[in-house]
Each structure stands twice: as structure tokens, then as C-alpha cells.
């Protein structure tokens, strides 16, 4: 485990999955990340690569061959190399191996850099194609936060607030049908906040494309603590809490999403797929600010 610290925050980062295990406020002693209870949900902030969500029937065709891959890809179960680290930053690196090529045939280099600056932890993702004529991938984050922040509080007192007023529709996931529907339903009409209610998540995550806000905040009616989630370079936002778990809220910035229920194309045809030619790179980032 790698530990970063400054005057405001202490971050525990796991080389397995390059995952944020804990993010502790120095002033209040609160761990703002989900507690990684293996009986409920054993992760806290997996890095999603080279897919976001699930493949239709768990399979995909890449360069004429069929591959199988579990939901959200192999990054979250892979051990990253530590390139460099000090008290306030660490660079993790994952590249292709014999195991990854059984699921995904491309050579790649994925760097995940965490940096503490003031009361924020920044996560920067960078994918490089140094060997192939081209590679295709999706990428995303899945940080899950404790909600409510304090024992004895109720999640119903918490709300999500977007930085801008939004008029948005949400995409609808049908887990029983194995993917994303083409159906959408209204979510915001020139609004910016909604309260955490379990019924909103009964059919899985709320998936929002084409948002203009650069940040969303998790706030409460009963305390003055604010967690603001900044994001750059992502085209979908997932918001999720498990009806079987409780006590967590995931704020998930994505490039891509789970396959549509009627998707029959190849991997390169997936919506929001990133294409990199040899020598090119792709970057995106998010930051967690604690007030």
C-alpha cells in the first residue's frame, strides 16, 4: 500500500488495481471512501480499462477473433508497477502481458498518477500506444464514497449538486436483459440537484451523457462537509448505489458504457470507443476535493 499525505489529507493507494483504498481528512479523521466490505462490495475506486461496463454476453470481436472479458475489464484485478512516488504523488503503470492478451490483444501502456494538492486528490489517466498500428479501448473511474459521511446520519439527507444547471436525459440499463437500452428518460429540466433516494437506482446506475458541468458535489442538509468531484475528458457520468449494500455512493466518470442490448458490432464499433494510432496517447482526469 502506498500512503500519500499533506496537511489536509491522507490517501492510501493500492498497487492492485491502482485503487484509492482510503481518503482520510486530517481535521475530522473521516475516511471518505467506501470501506471495501468484501461481503457487500469489495472495491472502493477501481480503474475501468479497457472496457466500461459489460460486454454483450461477455464477449467481443477484436481484429476478427472473439475474446471474453468480465465487467469493467481487467485493470481492477491487475497489479500495477510503481514508477515513482513521494509523500504527495505516485505513478502506477500497467502494460500488456500474456494474461491480458488472452482477453485483449493489444499492447498498451496505462499510467495512473495520483497527486495530493491542498485539500484535493487528483487522479490522472494516460493511455499510450507505443507498438500497435492502432488500439481501441474505453476507460473510466469508479470511486465510491461513504454516504452518509457520519454514523447516525441518514443518506436521505444527502444530495448531489451539479456545478451548472442542466437539462439532461439519463440512459437506462436493463441488467436482466444484459445491457444498455436505447431508451432514455428525463432527468433534469434546467436543474442542478437531486436527493439520494434508493428508488432512483433500482435498475442499476444512473447514466448521464452530454453533461456540461465540470464538477458535482455530495452535500448534506445536516452537516457542512462537502465532497466535490471534478472531472475532465469524460463523456458519460455514472451515479450508483447498490440496493444490496447501502452506505455508499459511487460517482463514476466514464469514456464509454456497457454494451447496448442489441449490439452486434465489433469492439471498434462500440459507442465512445477511443482509437489511438501508433505514437498517440489519450488523457483524462478527475479530482476529489474535501471541504
C-alpha atoms as a PDB file:
ATOM      1  CA  UNK A   1       0.000   0.000   0.000  1.00  0.00           C
ATOM      2  CA  UNK A   2       1.264   3.483  -0.901  1.00  0.00           C
ATOM      3  CA  UNK A   3       0.422   6.322   1.519  1.00  0.00           C
ATOM      4  CA  UNK A   4       0.357   9.968   0.433  1.00  0.00           C
ATOM      5  CA  UNK A   5      -0.129  12.760   2.937  1.00  0.00           C
ATOM      6  CA  UNK A   6      -0.081  16.512   3.361  1.00  0.00           C
ATOM      7  CA  UNK A   7      -1.563  18.904   5.922  1.00  0.00           C
ATOM      8  CA  UNK A   8      -5.120  18.219   4.779  1.00  0.00           C
ATOM      9  CA  UNK A   9      -5.456  14.637   3.540  1.00  0.00           C
ATOM     10  CA  UNK A  10      -4.029  11.143   3.809  1.00  0.00           C
ATOM     11  CA  UNK A  11      -4.550   8.823   0.832  1.00  0.00           C
ATOM     12  CA  UNK A  12      -3.970   5.057   0.839  1.00  0.00           C
ATOM     13  CA  UNK A  13      -3.434   3.699  -2.686  1.00  0.00           C
ATOM     14  CA  UNK A  14      -3.294   0.028  -3.582  1.00  0.00           C
ATOM     15  CA  UNK A  15      -0.985  -1.173  -6.406  1.00  0.00           C
ATOM     16  CA  UNK A  16      -3.590  -3.855  -7.094  1.00  0.00           C
ATOM     17  CA  UNK A  17      -5.911  -2.028  -9.440  1.00  0.00           C
ATOM     18  CA  UNK A  18      -4.183   1.330  -8.760  1.00  0.00           C
ATOM     19  CA  UNK A  19      -7.152   1.864  -6.458  1.00  0.00           C
ATOM     20  CA  UNK A  20      -7.867   4.559  -3.879  1.00  0.00           C
ATOM     21  CA  UNK A  21      -8.383   2.475  -0.745  1.00  0.00           C
ATOM     22  CA  UNK A  22      -8.838   5.325   1.743  1.00  0.00           C
ATOM     23  CA  UNK A  23      -9.016   9.118   1.640  1.00  0.00           C
ATOM     24  CA  UNK A  24      -8.905  10.483   5.177  1.00  0.00           C
ATOM     25  CA  UNK A  25      -9.479  14.081   6.219  1.00  0.00           C
ATOM     26  CA  UNK A  26      -6.736  15.154   8.613  1.00  0.00           C
ATOM     27  CA  UNK A  27      -9.035  17.545  10.505  1.00  0.00           C
ATOM     28  CA  UNK A  28     -12.019  15.255  11.041  1.00  0.00           C
ATOM     29  CA  UNK A  29     -10.459  11.775  10.753  1.00  0.00           C
ATOM     30  CA  UNK A  30     -13.176  10.616   8.356  1.00  0.00           C
ATOM     31  CA  UNK A  31     -12.373   8.104   5.618  1.00  0.00           C
ATOM     32  CA  UNK A  32     -14.467   9.431   2.742  1.00  0.00           C
ATOM     33  CA  UNK A  33     -14.049   6.292   0.601  1.00  0.00           C
ATOM     34  CA  UNK A  34     -16.298   3.235   0.801  1.00  0.00           C
ATOM     35  CA  UNK A  35     -14.960   0.768   3.392  1.00  0.00           C
ATOM     36  CA  UNK A  36     -14.342  -2.097   0.892  1.00  0.00           C
ATOM     37  CA  UNK A  37     -16.520  -4.581   2.742  1.00  0.00           C
ATOM     38  CA  UNK A  38     -15.935  -7.824   0.774  1.00  0.00           C
ATOM     39  CA  UNK A  39     -19.300  -9.201   1.878  1.00  0.00           C
ATOM     40  CA  UNK A  40     -21.032  -6.272   0.159  1.00  0.00           C
ATOM     41  CA  UNK A  41     -18.729  -4.632  -2.397  1.00  0.00           C
ATOM     42  CA  UNK A  42     -15.017  -5.297  -2.092  1.00  0.00           C
ATOM     43  CA  UNK A  43     -13.732  -2.318  -4.091  1.00  0.00           C
ATOM     44  CA  UNK A  44     -13.621   1.399  -3.376  1.00  0.00           C
ATOM     45  CA  UNK A  45     -12.343   3.025  -6.583  1.00  0.00           C
ATOM     46  CA  UNK A  46     -11.400   0.589  -9.375  1.00  0.00           C
ATOM     47  CA  UNK A  47      -9.895   1.866 -12.618  1.00  0.00           C
ATOM     48  CA  UNK A  48     -12.017   0.635 -15.534  1.00  0.00           C
ATOM     49  CA  UNK A  49      -9.979  -0.499 -18.579  1.00  0.00           C
ATOM     50  CA  UNK A  50     -10.141  -1.496 -21.437  1.00  0.00           C
ATOM     51  CA  UNK A  51     -13.942  -1.544 -21.155  1.00  0.00           C
ATOM     52  CA  UNK A  52     -16.525   0.331 -19.125  1.00  0.00           C
ATOM     53  CA  UNK A  53     -19.451  -1.804 -18.011  1.00  0.00           C
ATOM     54  CA  UNK A  54     -20.178  -5.177 -19.552  1.00  0.00           C
ATOM     55  CA  UNK A  55     -19.754  -6.707 -22.995  1.00  0.00           C
ATOM     56  CA  UNK A  56     -22.853  -8.209 -24.587  1.00  0.00           C
ATOM     57  CA  UNK A  57     -22.879 -11.862 -23.472  1.00  0.00           C
ATOM     58  CA  UNK A  58     -19.415 -11.236 -22.007  1.00  0.00           C
ATOM     59  CA  UNK A  59     -17.780 -11.465 -25.439  1.00  0.00           C
ATOM     60  CA  UNK A  60     -16.444  -9.180 -28.148  1.00  0.00           C
ATOM     61  CA  UNK A  61     -14.782  -9.465 -31.551  1.00  0.00           C
ATOM     62  CA  UNK A  62     -11.397  -7.766 -31.933  1.00  0.00           C
ATOM     63  CA  UNK A  63      -9.424  -7.999 -35.187  1.00  0.00           C
ATOM     64  CA  UNK A  64     -11.571 -10.943 -36.282  1.00  0.00           C
ATOM     65  CA  UNK A  65     -11.153 -13.012 -33.106  1.00  0.00           C
ATOM     66  CA  UNK A  66     -13.564 -13.482 -30.196  1.00  0.00           C
ATOM     67  CA  UNK A  67     -12.443 -12.527 -26.696  1.00  0.00           C
ATOM     68  CA  UNK A  68     -14.121 -12.788 -23.305  1.00  0.00           C
ATOM     69  CA  UNK A  69     -13.791 -10.175 -20.597  1.00  0.00           C
ATOM     70  CA  UNK A  70     -15.502  -9.588 -17.258  1.00  0.00           C
ATOM     71  CA  UNK A  71     -17.384  -6.400 -16.432  1.00  0.00           C
ATOM     72  CA  UNK A  72     -15.222  -3.255 -16.349  1.00  0.00           C
ATOM     73  CA  UNK A  73     -12.184  -5.096 -17.734  1.00  0.00           C
ATOM     74  CA  UNK A  74      -9.029  -6.471 -16.157  1.00  0.00           C
ATOM     75  CA  UNK A  75      -7.387  -3.349 -14.711  1.00  0.00           C
ATOM     76  CA  UNK A  76      -9.130  -3.581 -11.345  1.00  0.00           C
ATOM     77  CA  UNK A  77      -7.672  -7.050 -10.704  1.00  0.00           C
ATOM     78  CA  UNK A  78      -4.183  -6.326 -12.087  1.00  0.00           C
ATOM     79  CA  UNK A  79      -1.130  -5.373 -10.047  1.00  0.00           C
ATOM     80  CA  UNK A  80       0.448  -2.142 -11.281  1.00  0.00           C
ATOM     81  CA  UNK A  81       4.147  -1.307 -11.262  1.00  0.00           C
ATOM     82  CA  UNK A  82       5.136   1.681  -9.129  1.00  0.00           C
ATOM     83  CA  UNK A  83       7.125   4.010 -11.394  1.00  0.00           C
ATOM     84  CA  UNK A  84       7.851   6.684  -8.796  1.00  0.00           C
ATOM     85  CA  UNK A  85       6.435   8.003  -5.536  1.00  0.00           C
ATOM     86  CA  UNK A  86       6.975  10.514  -2.764  1.00  0.00           C
ATOM     87  CA  UNK A  87       4.826  11.969   0.018  1.00  0.00           C
ATOM     88  CA  UNK A  88       2.374  13.678  -2.312  1.00  0.00           C
ATOM     89  CA  UNK A  89       2.315  11.709  -5.575  1.00  0.00           C
ATOM     90  CA  UNK A  90       2.643   8.255  -7.079  1.00  0.00           C
ATOM     91  CA  UNK A  91       2.707   6.986 -10.657  1.00  0.00           C
ATOM     92  CA  UNK A  92       1.345   3.489 -11.319  1.00  0.00           C
ATOM     93  CA  UNK A  93       1.944   1.690 -14.631  1.00  0.00           C
ATOM     94  CA  UNK A  94       0.166  -1.251 -16.248  1.00  0.00           C
ATOM     95  CA  UNK A  95       1.129  -2.794 -19.575  1.00  0.00           C
ATOM     96  CA  UNK A  96       0.096  -5.804 -21.632  1.00  0.00           C
ATOM     97  CA  UNK A  97       1.056  -9.307 -20.570  1.00  0.00           C
ATOM     98  CA  UNK A  98       0.358 -12.883 -21.577  1.00  0.00           C
ATOM     99  CA  UNK A  99      -2.700 -12.800 -19.324  1.00  0.00           C
ATOM    100  CA  UNK A 100      -4.144  -9.538 -20.676  1.00  0.00           C
ATOM    101  CA  UNK A 101      -3.662 -10.709 -24.264  1.00  0.00           C
ATOM    102  CA  UNK A 102      -5.978 -13.645 -23.601  1.00  0.00           C
ATOM    103  CA  UNK A 103      -8.727 -11.025 -23.128  1.00  0.00           C
ATOM    104  CA  UNK A 104      -7.481  -8.046 -25.162  1.00  0.00           C
ATOM    105  CA  UNK A 105      -4.905  -8.497 -27.927  1.00  0.00           C
ATOM    106  CA  UNK A 106      -3.281  -5.069 -27.955  1.00  0.00           C
ATOM    107  CA  UNK A 107      -0.028  -3.838 -26.480  1.00  0.00           C
ATOM    108  CA  UNK A 108      -0.628  -0.743 -24.336  1.00  0.00           C
ATOM    109  CA  UNK A 109       0.778   1.382 -21.535  1.00  0.00           C
ATOM    110  CA  UNK A 110      -1.626   2.733 -18.917  1.00  0.00           C
ATOM    111  CA  UNK A 111      -0.388   5.249 -16.344  1.00  0.00           C
ATOM    112  CA  UNK A 112      -2.433   6.270 -13.307  1.00  0.00           C
ATOM    113  CA  UNK A 113      -0.972   9.215 -11.413  1.00  0.00           C
ATOM    114  CA  UNK A 114      -2.295  10.340  -8.028  1.00  0.00           C
ATOM    115  CA  UNK A 115      -1.312  13.745  -6.651  1.00  0.00           C
ATOM    116  CA  UNK A 116      -2.245  15.412  -3.385  1.00  0.00           C
ATOM    117  CA  UNK A 117      -2.534  19.204  -3.631  1.00  0.00           C
ATOM    118  CA  UNK A 118      -4.111  21.088  -0.752  1.00  0.00           C
ATOM    119  CA  UNK A 119      -7.463  19.522   0.082  1.00  0.00           C
ATOM    120  CA  UNK A 120      -7.707  17.571  -3.208  1.00  0.00           C
ATOM    121  CA  UNK A 121      -6.557  14.217  -4.546  1.00  0.00           C
ATOM    122  CA  UNK A 122      -6.159  14.218  -8.334  1.00  0.00           C
ATOM    123  CA  UNK A 123      -6.254  11.029 -10.424  1.00  0.00           C
ATOM    124  CA  UNK A 124      -4.832  11.349 -13.933  1.00  0.00           C
ATOM    125  CA  UNK A 125      -5.172   8.544 -16.501  1.00  0.00           C
ATOM    126  CA  UNK A 126      -2.935   8.286 -19.554  1.00  0.00           C
ATOM    127  CA  UNK A 127      -3.037   5.543 -22.193  1.00  0.00           C
ATOM    128  CA  UNK A 128      -0.200   5.256 -24.709  1.00  0.00           C
ATOM    129  CA  UNK A 129       0.071   3.210 -27.890  1.00  0.00           C
ATOM    130  CA  UNK A 130       3.774   2.672 -28.479  1.00  0.00           C
ATOM    131  CA  UNK A 131       3.730  -0.529 -30.544  1.00  0.00           C
ATOM    132  CA  UNK A 132       0.490  -1.205 -32.430  1.00  0.00           C
ATOM    133  CA  UNK A 133      -0.783   0.290 -35.678  1.00  0.00           C
ATOM    134  CA  UNK A 134      -3.896   1.152 -33.677  1.00  0.00           C
ATOM    135  CA  UNK A 135      -5.618   0.211 -30.433  1.00  0.00           C
ATOM    136  CA  UNK A 136      -9.192   0.641 -29.217  1.00  0.00           C
ATOM    137  CA  UNK A 137     -10.360   0.991 -25.614  1.00  0.00           C
ATOM    138  CA  UNK A 138     -12.705   2.570 -23.112  1.00  0.00           C
ATOM    139  CA  UNK A 139     -11.634   3.927 -19.724  1.00  0.00           C
ATOM    140  CA  UNK A 140     -13.232   5.231 -16.566  1.00  0.00           C
ATOM    141  CA  UNK A 141     -13.185   5.657 -12.825  1.00  0.00           C
ATOM    142  CA  UNK A 142     -15.483   4.110 -10.221  1.00  0.00           C
ATOM    143  CA  UNK A 143     -14.749   5.884  -6.917  1.00  0.00           C
ATOM    144  CA  UNK A 144     -17.335   5.079  -4.241  1.00  0.00           C
ATOM    145  CA  UNK A 145     -17.757   7.342  -1.232  1.00  0.00           C
ATOM    146  CA  UNK A 146     -19.205   6.736   2.187  1.00  0.00           C
ATOM    147  CA  UNK A 147     -22.720   8.154   2.294  1.00  0.00           C
ATOM    148  CA  UNK A 148     -23.647   9.291   4.865  1.00  0.00           C
ATOM    149  CA  UNK A 149     -20.287  10.671   5.992  1.00  0.00           C
ATOM    150  CA  UNK A 150     -21.069  10.307   9.706  1.00  0.00           C
ATOM    151  CA  UNK A 151     -22.555   7.478  11.748  1.00  0.00           C
ATOM    152  CA  UNK A 152     -26.098   8.105  12.870  1.00  0.00           C
ATOM    153  CA  UNK A 153     -26.959  10.182   9.813  1.00  0.00           C
ATOM    154  CA  UNK A 154     -29.313   9.144   7.002  1.00  0.00           C
ATOM    155  CA  UNK A 155     -28.401   9.006   3.315  1.00  0.00           C
ATOM    156  CA  UNK A 156     -31.801  10.588   2.575  1.00  0.00           C
ATOM    157  CA  UNK A 157     -30.386  13.869   3.907  1.00  0.00           C
ATOM    158  CA  UNK A 158     -27.686  13.874   1.220  1.00  0.00           C
ATOM    159  CA  UNK A 159     -27.912  15.269  -2.279  1.00  0.00           C
ATOM    160  CA  UNK A 160     -25.866  15.583  -5.455  1.00  0.00           C
ATOM    161  CA  UNK A 161     -25.394  19.079  -6.818  1.00  0.00           C
ATOM    162  CA  UNK A 162     -24.068  19.745 -10.338  1.00  0.00           C
ATOM    163  CA  UNK A 163     -21.927  22.849 -10.877  1.00  0.00           C
ATOM    164  CA  UNK A 164     -24.261  24.075 -13.657  1.00  0.00           C
ATOM    165  CA  UNK A 165     -27.975  23.969 -14.241  1.00  0.00           C
ATOM    166  CA  UNK A 166     -28.575  21.039 -16.584  1.00  0.00           C
ATOM    167  CA  UNK A 167     -31.268  19.806 -18.932  1.00  0.00           C
ATOM    168  CA  UNK A 168     -30.453  16.128 -19.274  1.00  0.00           C
ATOM    169  CA  UNK A 169     -31.844  12.706 -20.011  1.00  0.00           C
ATOM    170  CA  UNK A 170     -30.447   9.520 -18.497  1.00  0.00           C
ATOM    171  CA  UNK A 171     -29.706   6.295 -20.305  1.00  0.00           C
ATOM    172  CA  UNK A 172     -31.433   3.215 -18.933  1.00  0.00           C
ATOM    173  CA  UNK A 173     -29.604  -0.018 -18.023  1.00  0.00           C
ATOM    174  CA  UNK A 174     -31.501  -3.304 -18.001  1.00  0.00           C
ATOM    175  CA  UNK A 175     -29.325  -5.816 -16.116  1.00  0.00           C
ATOM    176  CA  UNK A 176     -31.856  -8.622 -16.695  1.00  0.00           C
ATOM    177  CA  UNK A 177     -31.546  -8.075 -20.450  1.00  0.00           C
ATOM    178  CA  UNK A 178     -27.782  -7.830 -20.268  1.00  0.00           C
ATOM    179  CA  UNK A 179     -27.057  -4.271 -21.252  1.00  0.00           C
ATOM    180  CA  UNK A 180     -27.979  -0.694 -22.040  1.00  0.00           C
ATOM    181  CA  UNK A 181     -31.327   0.182 -23.571  1.00  0.00           C
ATOM    182  CA  UNK A 182     -31.705   2.790 -26.306  1.00  0.00           C
ATOM    183  CA  UNK A 183     -34.498   4.183 -24.138  1.00  0.00           C
ATOM    184  CA  UNK A 184     -33.842   7.423 -22.276  1.00  0.00           C
ATOM    185  CA  UNK A 185     -35.896   9.249 -19.693  1.00  0.00           C
ATOM    186  CA  UNK A 186     -35.832  12.856 -18.467  1.00  0.00           C
ATOM    187  CA  UNK A 187     -33.558  13.531 -15.530  1.00  0.00           C
ATOM    188  CA  UNK A 188     -33.051  17.311 -15.185  1.00  0.00           C
ATOM    189  CA  UNK A 189     -35.031  20.222 -16.640  1.00  0.00           C
ATOM    190  CA  UNK A 190     -32.851  23.287 -16.009  1.00  0.00           C
ATOM    191  CA  UNK A 191     -31.965  21.852 -12.590  1.00  0.00           C
ATOM    192  CA  UNK A 192     -28.782  21.066 -10.726  1.00  0.00           C
ATOM    193  CA  UNK A 193     -29.514  18.905  -7.664  1.00  0.00           C
ATOM    194  CA  UNK A 194     -31.288  15.733  -6.593  1.00  0.00           C
ATOM    195  CA  UNK A 195     -31.600  13.944  -3.261  1.00  0.00           C
ATOM    196  CA  UNK A 196     -30.244  10.440  -2.747  1.00  0.00           C
ATOM    197  CA  UNK A 197     -33.185   8.048  -2.927  1.00  0.00           C
ATOM    198  CA  UNK A 198     -32.755   4.295  -3.292  1.00  0.00           C
ATOM    199  CA  UNK A 199     -35.591   4.036  -5.814  1.00  0.00           C
ATOM    200  CA  UNK A 200     -33.550   6.072  -8.310  1.00  0.00           C
ATOM    201  CA  UNK A 201     -31.022   3.223  -8.532  1.00  0.00           C
ATOM    202  CA  UNK A 202     -33.347   0.214  -8.577  1.00  0.00           C
ATOM    203  CA  UNK A 203     -32.446  -0.674 -12.162  1.00  0.00           C
ATOM    204  CA  UNK A 204     -28.683  -0.039 -11.726  1.00  0.00           C
ATOM    205  CA  UNK A 205     -26.654   3.142 -12.248  1.00  0.00           C
ATOM    206  CA  UNK A 206     -27.969   6.492 -13.390  1.00  0.00           C
ATOM    207  CA  UNK A 207     -26.056   7.086 -16.642  1.00  0.00           C
ATOM    208  CA  UNK A 208     -25.878  10.670 -17.888  1.00  0.00           C
ATOM    209  CA  UNK A 209     -24.281  11.641 -21.231  1.00  0.00           C
ATOM    210  CA  UNK A 210     -23.505  15.104 -22.602  1.00  0.00           C
ATOM    211  CA  UNK A 211     -23.425  16.950 -19.270  1.00  0.00           C
ATOM    212  CA  UNK A 212     -21.811  20.410 -19.225  1.00  0.00           C
ATOM    213  CA  UNK A 213     -20.903  20.607 -15.523  1.00  0.00           C
ATOM    214  CA  UNK A 214     -17.213  20.231 -14.703  1.00  0.00           C
ATOM    215  CA  UNK A 215     -17.959  19.037 -11.177  1.00  0.00           C
ATOM    216  CA  UNK A 216     -20.619  17.506  -8.951  1.00  0.00           C
ATOM    217  CA  UNK A 217     -20.752  17.796  -5.170  1.00  0.00           C
ATOM    218  CA  UNK A 218     -22.048  15.469  -2.492  1.00  0.00           C
ATOM    219  CA  UNK A 219     -23.659  17.555   0.264  1.00  0.00           C
ATOM    220  CA  UNK A 220     -25.888  17.098   3.303  1.00  0.00           C
ATOM    221  CA  UNK A 221     -28.695  19.037   4.959  1.00  0.00           C
ATOM    222  CA  UNK A 222     -27.377  18.139   8.414  1.00  0.00           C
ATOM    223  CA  UNK A 223     -23.644  18.923   8.257  1.00  0.00           C
ATOM    224  CA  UNK A 224     -21.367  21.362   6.452  1.00  0.00           C
ATOM    225  CA  UNK A 225     -18.998  18.818   4.895  1.00  0.00           C
ATOM    226  CA  UNK A 226     -18.746  18.926   1.094  1.00  0.00           C
ATOM    227  CA  UNK A 227     -17.131  16.430  -1.278  1.00  0.00           C
ATOM    228  CA  UNK A 228     -16.675  17.952  -4.734  1.00  0.00           C
ATOM    229  CA  UNK A 229     -15.803  15.703  -7.649  1.00  0.00           C
ATOM    230  CA  UNK A 230     -14.071  17.445 -10.570  1.00  0.00           C
ATOM    231  CA  UNK A 231     -13.717  15.704 -13.961  1.00  0.00           C
ATOM    232  CA  UNK A 232     -12.161  16.393 -17.339  1.00  0.00           C
ATOM    233  CA  UNK A 233     -12.150  14.415 -20.583  1.00  0.00           C
ATOM    234  CA  UNK A 234     -15.073  12.054 -19.883  1.00  0.00           C
ATOM    235  CA  UNK A 235     -18.300  11.818 -21.917  1.00  0.00           C
ATOM    236  CA  UNK A 236     -20.567   9.905 -19.506  1.00  0.00           C
ATOM    237  CA  UNK A 237     -21.230  10.139 -15.790  1.00  0.00           C
ATOM    238  CA  UNK A 238     -22.492   7.170 -13.815  1.00  0.00           C
ATOM    239  CA  UNK A 239     -24.041   7.531 -10.364  1.00  0.00           C
ATOM    240  CA  UNK A 240     -24.608   4.308  -8.444  1.00  0.00           C
ATOM    241  CA  UNK A 241     -25.546   2.918  -5.084  1.00  0.00           C
ATOM    242  CA  UNK A 242     -26.239  -0.762  -4.578  1.00  0.00           C
ATOM    243  CA  UNK A 243     -29.636  -1.669  -3.188  1.00  0.00           C
ATOM    244  CA  UNK A 244     -27.903  -4.624  -1.531  1.00  0.00           C
ATOM    245  CA  UNK A 245     -25.227  -2.516   0.135  1.00  0.00           C
ATOM    246  CA  UNK A 246     -26.262   0.896   1.406  1.00  0.00           C
ATOM    247  CA  UNK A 247     -23.812   3.376   2.867  1.00  0.00           C
ATOM    248  CA  UNK A 248     -22.079   4.231  -0.386  1.00  0.00           C
ATOM    249  CA  UNK A 249     -22.491   6.441  -3.418  1.00  0.00           C
ATOM    250  CA  UNK A 250     -20.290   5.969  -6.482  1.00  0.00           C
ATOM    251  CA  UNK A 251     -19.539   8.927  -8.761  1.00  0.00           C
ATOM    252  CA  UNK A 252     -18.189   7.388 -11.949  1.00  0.00           C
ATOM    253  CA  UNK A 253     -16.649   9.354 -14.839  1.00  0.00           C
ATOM    254  CA  UNK A 254     -16.577   7.246 -17.996  1.00  0.00           C
ATOM    255  CA  UNK A 255     -15.415   7.251 -21.582  1.00  0.00           C
ATOM    256  CA  UNK A 256     -17.860   4.632 -22.852  1.00  0.00           C
ATOM    257  CA  UNK A 257     -20.508   2.476 -21.206  1.00  0.00           C
ATOM    258  CA  UNK A 258     -21.915  -1.052 -21.112  1.00  0.00           C
ATOM    259  CA  UNK A 259     -22.973  -2.532 -24.460  1.00  0.00           C
ATOM    260  CA  UNK A 260     -26.461  -1.932 -25.805  1.00  0.00           C
ATOM    261  CA  UNK A 261     -28.784  -4.929 -25.536  1.00  0.00           C
ATOM    262  CA  UNK A 262     -28.900  -5.213 -29.352  1.00  0.00           C
ATOM    263  CA  UNK A 263     -25.208  -4.514 -30.038  1.00  0.00           C
ATOM    264  CA  UNK A 264     -23.740  -6.844 -32.673  1.00  0.00           C
ATOM    265  CA  UNK A 265     -20.713  -4.906 -33.896  1.00  0.00           C
ATOM    266  CA  UNK A 266     -17.018  -5.437 -33.297  1.00  0.00           C
ATOM    267  CA  UNK A 267     -15.115  -3.899 -30.397  1.00  0.00           C
ATOM    268  CA  UNK A 268     -14.035  -0.937 -32.530  1.00  0.00           C
ATOM    269  CA  UNK A 269     -17.711  -0.135 -33.188  1.00  0.00           C
ATOM    270  CA  UNK A 270     -18.665   0.354 -29.525  1.00  0.00           C
ATOM    271  CA  UNK A 271     -20.065   3.766 -28.630  1.00  0.00           C
ATOM    272  CA  UNK A 272     -17.456   6.181 -27.250  1.00  0.00           C
ATOM    273  CA  UNK A 273     -14.563   3.895 -28.157  1.00  0.00           C
ATOM    274  CA  UNK A 274     -11.160   5.609 -28.145  1.00  0.00           C
ATOM    275  CA  UNK A 275      -8.853   4.964 -31.108  1.00  0.00           C
ATOM    276  CA  UNK A 276      -5.115   5.531 -30.785  1.00  0.00           C
ATOM    277  CA  UNK A 277      -2.703   5.241 -33.669  1.00  0.00           C
ATOM    278  CA  UNK A 278       0.914   4.285 -33.017  1.00  0.00           C
ATOM    279  CA  UNK A 279       2.696   7.019 -31.076  1.00  0.00           C
ATOM    280  CA  UNK A 280      -0.517   8.632 -29.822  1.00  0.00           C
ATOM    281  CA  UNK A 281      -1.810   8.969 -26.258  1.00  0.00           C
ATOM    282  CA  UNK A 282      -5.090   9.758 -24.511  1.00  0.00           C
ATOM    283  CA  UNK A 283      -5.556  11.515 -21.167  1.00  0.00           C
ATOM    284  CA  UNK A 284      -8.413  12.244 -18.769  1.00  0.00           C
ATOM    285  CA  UNK A 285      -8.548  13.057 -15.073  1.00  0.00           C
ATOM    286  CA  UNK A 286     -10.684  13.584 -12.016  1.00  0.00           C
ATOM    287  CA  UNK A 287     -10.090  15.133  -8.613  1.00  0.00           C
ATOM    288  CA  UNK A 288     -11.733  14.644  -5.201  1.00  0.00           C
ATOM    289  CA  UNK A 289     -11.895  17.842  -3.137  1.00  0.00           C
ATOM    290  CA  UNK A 290     -12.819  17.654   0.557  1.00  0.00           C
ATOM    291  CA  UNK A 291     -14.108  20.758   2.351  1.00  0.00           C
END
